[in-house]
Amino acid sequence: MRTLSQKRAEYALRFIIGDVLEKISKDKKPEEFANFVAGAPAAILKNGLGQTLAFWYQKGFSKGKENENERKYALLLNAIKKWLSLKEGDIDNNFIEERQEVKDFLLELSRLGQKEYQACQVEVLRLLEWIKRYANAELK
């Protein structure tokens, strides 16, 4: 049986070597994504989870579609959205119901009680630690 930390680590590595390396081309400087991820936990701790995710949504999306020039925001926001609702193999996260649209995810997050909201924030911070480690290893 795997620990939750092992599950986070696998998810983070699959995200970096799959989604990030596939979608961020060499001319877009993958190091830029690694630098962005490095500052993500501090942004959440300073501004709160909801405010930070709302900012990333504003930067990463335009009229509900990914903004090509600011893809790093959309990639990370989608990874967090997926992780908080992932039910796959031995992973059964039940923080938030799975949502197709990011705006629906953000609405559901805003409707959580304080205890559930704080649990989501802690989980996101723990996931970001793994994403940050693998981003530094694979993208710099």
C-alpha atoms as a PDB file:
ATOM      1  CA  MET A   1       0.000   0.000   0.000  1.00  0.00           C
ATOM      2  CA  ARG A   2       1.344   3.399  -1.004  1.00  0.00           C
ATOM      3  CA  THR A   3       1.347   6.468   1.184  1.00  0.00           C
ATOM      4  CA  LEU A   4      -0.457   9.631   0.169  1.00  0.00           C
ATOM      5  CA  SER A   5       2.929  11.280  -0.270  1.00  0.00           C
ATOM      6  CA  GLN A   6       3.943   8.588  -2.778  1.00  0.00           C
ATOM      7  CA  LYS A   7       0.701   9.162  -4.673  1.00  0.00           C
ATOM      8  CA  ARG A   8       1.340  12.912  -4.779  1.00  0.00           C
ATOM      9  CA  ALA A   9       4.884  12.293  -6.000  1.00  0.00           C
ATOM     10  CA  GLU A  10       3.737  10.044  -8.846  1.00  0.00           C
ATOM     11  CA  TYR A  11       1.008  12.484  -9.880  1.00  0.00           C
ATOM     12  CA  ALA A  12       3.461  15.409  -9.821  1.00  0.00           C
ATOM     13  CA  LEU A  13       6.051  13.584 -11.918  1.00  0.00           C
ATOM     14  CA  ARG A  14       3.444  12.479 -14.467  1.00  0.00           C
ATOM     15  CA  PHE A  15       2.222  16.080 -14.643  1.00  0.00           C
ATOM     16  CA  ILE A  16       5.722  17.474 -15.274  1.00  0.00           C
ATOM     17  CA  ILE A  17       6.907  14.876 -17.790  1.00  0.00           C
ATOM     18  CA  GLY A  18       3.507  14.636 -19.455  1.00  0.00           C
ATOM     19  CA  ASP A  19       1.474  17.821 -19.462  1.00  0.00           C
ATOM     20  CA  VAL A  20       4.192  20.401 -18.902  1.00  0.00           C
ATOM     21  CA  LEU A  21       6.884  19.050 -21.218  1.00  0.00           C
ATOM     22  CA  GLU A  22       4.309  18.347 -23.934  1.00  0.00           C
ATOM     23  CA  LYS A  23       2.610  21.734 -23.768  1.00  0.00           C
ATOM     24  CA  ILE A  24       5.483  24.087 -23.033  1.00  0.00           C
ATOM     25  CA  SER A  25       7.807  24.066 -26.001  1.00  0.00           C
ATOM     26  CA  LYS A  26      11.533  24.672 -25.778  1.00  0.00           C
ATOM     27  CA  ASP A  27      11.203  28.208 -27.149  1.00  0.00           C
ATOM     28  CA  LYS A  28       8.811  29.074 -24.283  1.00  0.00           C
ATOM     29  CA  LYS A  29      11.571  28.339 -21.754  1.00  0.00           C
ATOM     30  CA  PRO A  30      10.474  25.519 -19.440  1.00  0.00           C
ATOM     31  CA  GLU A  31      12.603  27.160 -16.729  1.00  0.00           C
ATOM     32  CA  GLU A  32       9.954  29.868 -16.614  1.00  0.00           C
ATOM     33  CA  PHE A  33       7.401  27.277 -15.515  1.00  0.00           C
ATOM     34  CA  ALA A  34       9.809  25.933 -12.880  1.00  0.00           C
ATOM     35  CA  ASN A  35      10.326  29.449 -11.522  1.00  0.00           C
ATOM     36  CA  PHE A  36       6.580  30.070 -11.470  1.00  0.00           C
ATOM     37  CA  VAL A  37       5.939  26.837  -9.548  1.00  0.00           C
ATOM     38  CA  ALA A  38       8.684  27.702  -7.069  1.00  0.00           C
ATOM     39  CA  GLY A  39       6.745  30.825  -6.039  1.00  0.00           C
ATOM     40  CA  ALA A  40       3.302  29.212  -6.032  1.00  0.00           C
ATOM     41  CA  PRO A  41       3.280  28.036  -2.376  1.00  0.00           C
ATOM     42  CA  ALA A  42       4.335  31.488  -1.167  1.00  0.00           C
ATOM     43  CA  ALA A  43       1.542  33.096  -3.207  1.00  0.00           C
ATOM     44  CA  ILE A  44      -1.011  30.772  -1.594  1.00  0.00           C
ATOM     45  CA  LEU A  45       0.313  31.386   1.917  1.00  0.00           C
ATOM     46  CA  LYS A  46       0.361  35.147   1.378  1.00  0.00           C
ATOM     47  CA  ASN A  47      -2.946  35.602  -0.470  1.00  0.00           C
ATOM     48  CA  GLY A  48      -4.924  32.473   0.328  1.00  0.00           C
ATOM     49  CA  LEU A  49      -5.856  29.552  -1.899  1.00  0.00           C
ATOM     50  CA  GLY A  50      -8.984  31.079  -3.438  1.00  0.00           C
ATOM     51  CA  GLN A  51      -7.395  34.436  -4.239  1.00  0.00           C
ATOM     52  CA  THR A  52      -4.341  32.783  -5.783  1.00  0.00           C
ATOM     53  CA  LEU A  53      -6.353  30.366  -7.906  1.00  0.00           C
ATOM     54  CA  ALA A  54      -8.610  33.230  -9.032  1.00  0.00           C
ATOM     55  CA  PHE A  55      -5.527  35.191 -10.110  1.00  0.00           C
ATOM     56  CA  TRP A  56      -4.191  32.183 -12.030  1.00  0.00           C
ATOM     57  CA  TYR A  57      -7.596  31.791 -13.672  1.00  0.00           C
ATOM     58  CA  GLN A  58      -7.553  35.446 -14.703  1.00  0.00           C
ATOM     59  CA  LYS A  59      -4.048  35.100 -16.173  1.00  0.00           C
ATOM     60  CA  GLY A  60      -4.375  31.625 -17.674  1.00  0.00           C
ATOM     61  CA  PHE A  61      -7.802  31.857 -19.281  1.00  0.00           C
ATOM     62  CA  SER A  62      -9.618  34.248 -21.549  1.00  0.00           C
ATOM     63  CA  LYS A  63     -13.361  33.795 -22.077  1.00  0.00           C
ATOM     64  CA  GLY A  64     -13.129  30.259 -20.696  1.00  0.00           C
ATOM     65  CA  LYS A  65     -10.301  29.151 -23.001  1.00  0.00           C
ATOM     66  CA  GLU A  66      -6.610  28.728 -22.215  1.00  0.00           C
ATOM     67  CA  ASN A  67      -4.516  31.806 -22.882  1.00  0.00           C
ATOM     68  CA  GLU A  68      -1.645  30.561 -25.077  1.00  0.00           C
ATOM     69  CA  ASN A  69       0.733  33.273 -23.836  1.00  0.00           C
ATOM     70  CA  GLU A  70       0.158  32.477 -20.158  1.00  0.00           C
ATOM     71  CA  ARG A  71      -0.205  28.708 -20.345  1.00  0.00           C
ATOM     72  CA  LYS A  72       1.739  28.095 -17.119  1.00  0.00           C
ATOM     73  CA  TYR A  73      -1.158  29.437 -15.034  1.00  0.00           C
ATOM     74  CA  ALA A  74      -3.725  27.258 -16.784  1.00  0.00           C
ATOM     75  CA  LEU A  75      -1.526  24.151 -16.555  1.00  0.00           C
ATOM     76  CA  LEU A  76      -0.981  24.446 -12.822  1.00  0.00           C
ATOM     77  CA  LEU A  77      -4.585  25.369 -12.089  1.00  0.00           C
ATOM     78  CA  ASN A  78      -5.831  22.367 -14.080  1.00  0.00           C
ATOM     79  CA  ALA A  79      -3.377  20.065 -12.293  1.00  0.00           C
ATOM     80  CA  ILE A  80      -4.667  21.227  -8.903  1.00  0.00           C
ATOM     81  CA  LYS A  81      -8.284  20.895 -10.040  1.00  0.00           C
ATOM     82  CA  LYS A  82      -7.674  17.347 -11.212  1.00  0.00           C
ATOM     83  CA  TRP A  83      -5.740  16.305  -8.086  1.00  0.00           C
ATOM     84  CA  LEU A  84      -8.375  17.524  -5.630  1.00  0.00           C
ATOM     85  CA  SER A  85     -11.001  15.318  -7.294  1.00  0.00           C
ATOM     86  CA  LEU A  86      -8.872  12.426  -8.602  1.00  0.00           C
ATOM     87  CA  LYS A  87     -10.287   8.934  -8.256  1.00  0.00           C
ATOM     88  CA  GLU A  88      -7.951   6.560 -10.061  1.00  0.00           C
ATOM     89  CA  GLY A  89      -6.392   3.281  -8.984  1.00  0.00           C
ATOM     90  CA  ASP A  90      -5.558   3.578  -5.295  1.00  0.00           C
ATOM     91  CA  ILE A  91      -6.088   7.364  -5.289  1.00  0.00           C
ATOM     92  CA  ASP A  92      -9.458   8.454  -3.968  1.00  0.00           C
ATOM     93  CA  ASN A  93      -9.349  12.179  -3.306  1.00  0.00           C
ATOM     94  CA  ASN A  94     -12.702  13.525  -2.260  1.00  0.00           C
ATOM     95  CA  PHE A  95     -11.930  17.156  -1.569  1.00  0.00           C
ATOM     96  CA  ILE A  96     -14.059  18.434  -4.448  1.00  0.00           C
ATOM     97  CA  GLU A  97     -16.368  16.785  -6.971  1.00  0.00           C
ATOM     98  CA  GLU A  98     -14.817  16.413 -10.402  1.00  0.00           C
ATOM     99  CA  ARG A  99     -15.625  19.333 -12.672  1.00  0.00           C
ATOM    100  CA  GLN A 100     -14.923  19.780 -16.365  1.00  0.00           C
ATOM    101  CA  GLU A 101     -14.720  23.561 -16.294  1.00  0.00           C
ATOM    102  CA  VAL A 102     -12.238  25.436 -14.127  1.00  0.00           C
ATOM    103  CA  LYS A 103     -14.824  28.083 -13.242  1.00  0.00           C
ATOM    104  CA  ASP A 104     -17.125  25.343 -11.868  1.00  0.00           C
ATOM    105  CA  PHE A 105     -14.232  24.038  -9.780  1.00  0.00           C
ATOM    106  CA  LEU A 106     -13.583  27.528  -8.407  1.00  0.00           C
ATOM    107  CA  LEU A 107     -17.268  27.956  -7.578  1.00  0.00           C
ATOM    108  CA  GLU A 108     -17.324  24.667  -5.701  1.00  0.00           C
ATOM    109  CA  LEU A 109     -14.148  25.582  -3.837  1.00  0.00           C
ATOM    110  CA  SER A 110     -15.746  28.858  -2.730  1.00  0.00           C
ATOM    111  CA  ARG A 111     -18.743  26.958  -1.335  1.00  0.00           C
ATOM    112  CA  LEU A 112     -16.706  24.761   1.004  1.00  0.00           C
ATOM    113  CA  GLY A 113     -16.860  25.168   4.746  1.00  0.00           C
ATOM    114  CA  GLN A 114     -13.825  26.523   6.552  1.00  0.00           C
ATOM    115  CA  LYS A 115     -12.520  23.108   7.631  1.00  0.00           C
ATOM    116  CA  GLU A 116     -12.798  21.612   4.119  1.00  0.00           C
ATOM    117  CA  TYR A 117     -11.338  24.740   2.532  1.00  0.00           C
ATOM    118  CA  GLN A 118      -8.313  24.633   4.832  1.00  0.00           C
ATOM    119  CA  ALA A 119      -7.858  20.921   4.108  1.00  0.00           C
ATOM    120  CA  CYS A 120      -7.790  21.737   0.381  1.00  0.00           C
ATOM    121  CA  GLN A 121      -5.199  24.437   0.929  1.00  0.00           C
ATOM    122  CA  VAL A 122      -2.948  22.098   2.906  1.00  0.00           C
ATOM    123  CA  GLU A 123      -3.311  19.401   0.254  1.00  0.00           C
ATOM    124  CA  VAL A 124      -2.481  21.823  -2.553  1.00  0.00           C
ATOM    125  CA  LEU A 125       0.625  23.017  -0.711  1.00  0.00           C
ATOM    126  CA  ARG A 126       1.783  19.425  -0.226  1.00  0.00           C
ATOM    127  CA  LEU A 127       1.213  18.651  -3.897  1.00  0.00           C
ATOM    128  CA  LEU A 128       3.080  21.785  -4.966  1.00  0.00           C
ATOM    129  CA  GLU A 129       6.145  20.672  -3.040  1.00  0.00           C
ATOM    130  CA  TRP A 130       6.372  17.601  -5.272  1.00  0.00           C
ATOM    131  CA  ILE A 131       5.602  19.529  -8.451  1.00  0.00           C
ATOM    132  CA  LYS A 132       8.289  22.050  -7.526  1.00  0.00           C
ATOM    133  CA  ARG A 133      10.901  19.317  -6.967  1.00  0.00           C
ATOM    134  CA  TYR A 134      10.210  17.603 -10.269  1.00  0.00           C
ATOM    135  CA  ALA A 135       9.994  20.892 -12.168  1.00  0.00           C
ATOM    136  CA  ASN A 136      13.461  21.805 -10.910  1.00  0.00           C
ATOM    137  CA  ALA A 137      14.813  18.395 -11.904  1.00  0.00           C
ATOM    138  CA  GLU A 138      13.195  18.180 -15.343  1.00  0.00           C
ATOM    139  CA  LEU A 139      12.870  21.766 -16.544  1.00  0.00           C
ATOM    140  CA  LYS A 140      15.972  23.621 -15.396  1.00  0.00           C
END
